[in-house]
Amino acid sequence: MKVLSSLASMKRRHEDCKVVKRKGTLYVICKSNPKFKARQGATRGTKLSKKGIK
């Protein structure tokens, strides 16, 4: 999954791509071609935010 600062180009990549907002993070999901997945936004409250903290 690509982490991007802008999802503008990813939204127009394929007609099946959808933009979904979950817990303050924007995701581009594509069921027909999963390599188009992308994420943008805050990681607070997810597993990603706890990786560097011990």
C-alpha atoms as a PDB file:
ATOM      1  CA  MET A   1       0.000   0.000   0.000  1.00  0.00           C
ATOM      2  CA  LYS A   2       1.452   3.334  -0.993  1.00  0.00           C
ATOM      3  CA  VAL A   3       1.510   6.217   1.483  1.00  0.00           C
ATOM      4  CA  LEU A   4       0.884   9.438  -0.442  1.00  0.00           C
ATOM      5  CA  SER A   5       0.676  13.135   0.346  1.00  0.00           C
ATOM      6  CA  SER A   6      -1.963  13.613  -2.365  1.00  0.00           C
ATOM      7  CA  LEU A   7      -4.584  11.157  -3.605  1.00  0.00           C
ATOM      8  CA  ALA A   8      -5.688  13.260  -6.599  1.00  0.00           C
ATOM      9  CA  SER A   9      -3.869  11.140  -9.193  1.00  0.00           C
ATOM     10  CA  MET A  10      -4.755   7.866  -7.487  1.00  0.00           C
ATOM     11  CA  LYS A  11      -8.491   8.586  -7.591  1.00  0.00           C
ATOM     12  CA  ARG A  12      -8.422   8.809 -11.398  1.00  0.00           C
ATOM     13  CA  ARG A  13      -6.208   5.787 -11.945  1.00  0.00           C
ATOM     14  CA  HIS A  14      -8.969   3.232 -12.584  1.00  0.00           C
ATOM     15  CA  GLU A  15     -12.761   3.399 -12.848  1.00  0.00           C
ATOM     16  CA  ASP A  16     -13.208   0.850 -10.034  1.00  0.00           C
ATOM     17  CA  CYS A  17     -11.137   2.851  -7.522  1.00  0.00           C
ATOM     18  CA  LYS A  18     -13.076   4.238  -4.566  1.00  0.00           C
ATOM     19  CA  VAL A  19     -12.048   6.729  -1.886  1.00  0.00           C
ATOM     20  CA  VAL A  20     -12.990   5.638   1.642  1.00  0.00           C
ATOM     21  CA  LYS A  21     -12.449   7.485   4.923  1.00  0.00           C
ATOM     22  CA  ARG A  22     -11.818   5.318   8.002  1.00  0.00           C
ATOM     23  CA  LYS A  23     -10.764   6.733  11.399  1.00  0.00           C
ATOM     24  CA  GLY A  24      -9.546   9.996   9.850  1.00  0.00           C
ATOM     25  CA  THR A  25      -7.434   8.313   7.173  1.00  0.00           C
ATOM     26  CA  LEU A  26      -8.280   8.383   3.470  1.00  0.00           C
ATOM     27  CA  TYR A  27      -7.860   5.139   1.548  1.00  0.00           C
ATOM     28  CA  VAL A  28      -8.116   4.383  -2.156  1.00  0.00           C
ATOM     29  CA  ILE A  29      -9.381   0.835  -2.624  1.00  0.00           C
ATOM     30  CA  CYS A  30      -9.767  -1.087  -5.869  1.00  0.00           C
ATOM     31  CA  LYS A  31     -11.257  -4.576  -5.837  1.00  0.00           C
ATOM     32  CA  SER A  32     -10.487  -5.379  -9.471  1.00  0.00           C
ATOM     33  CA  ASN A  33      -6.792  -4.374  -9.226  1.00  0.00           C
ATOM     34  CA  PRO A  34      -5.467  -4.402  -5.618  1.00  0.00           C
ATOM     35  CA  LYS A  35      -2.109  -2.853  -6.558  1.00  0.00           C
ATOM     36  CA  PHE A  36      -3.868   0.546  -6.762  1.00  0.00           C
ATOM     37  CA  LYS A  37      -4.371   0.674  -2.983  1.00  0.00           C
ATOM     38  CA  ALA A  38      -3.189   3.882  -1.305  1.00  0.00           C
ATOM     39  CA  ARG A  39      -3.416   5.651   2.039  1.00  0.00           C
ATOM     40  CA  GLN A  40      -3.258   9.298   3.073  1.00  0.00           C
ATOM     41  CA  GLY A  41      -3.638  11.032   6.394  1.00  0.00           C
ATOM     42  CA  ALA A  42      -3.319  10.551  10.114  1.00  0.00           C
ATOM     43  CA  THR A  43      -2.178   7.264  11.596  1.00  0.00           C
ATOM     44  CA  ARG A  44      -3.335   8.149  15.115  1.00  0.00           C
ATOM     45  CA  GLY A  45      -5.232   5.296  16.721  1.00  0.00           C
ATOM     46  CA  THR A  46      -3.893   2.603  14.415  1.00  0.00           C
ATOM     47  CA  LYS A  47      -1.171  -0.034  14.640  1.00  0.00           C
ATOM     48  CA  LEU A  48       1.108   2.229  12.580  1.00  0.00           C
ATOM     49  CA  SER A  49       1.169   4.906  15.266  1.00  0.00           C
ATOM     50  CA  LYS A  50       2.430   2.429  17.887  1.00  0.00           C
ATOM     51  CA  LYS A  51       5.399   1.024  15.915  1.00  0.00           C
ATOM     52  CA  GLY A  52       8.051   3.470  17.163  1.00  0.00           C
ATOM     53  CA  ILE A  53       6.769   3.775  20.734  1.00  0.00           C
ATOM     54  CA  LYS A  54       8.053   1.347  23.372  1.00  0.00           C
END
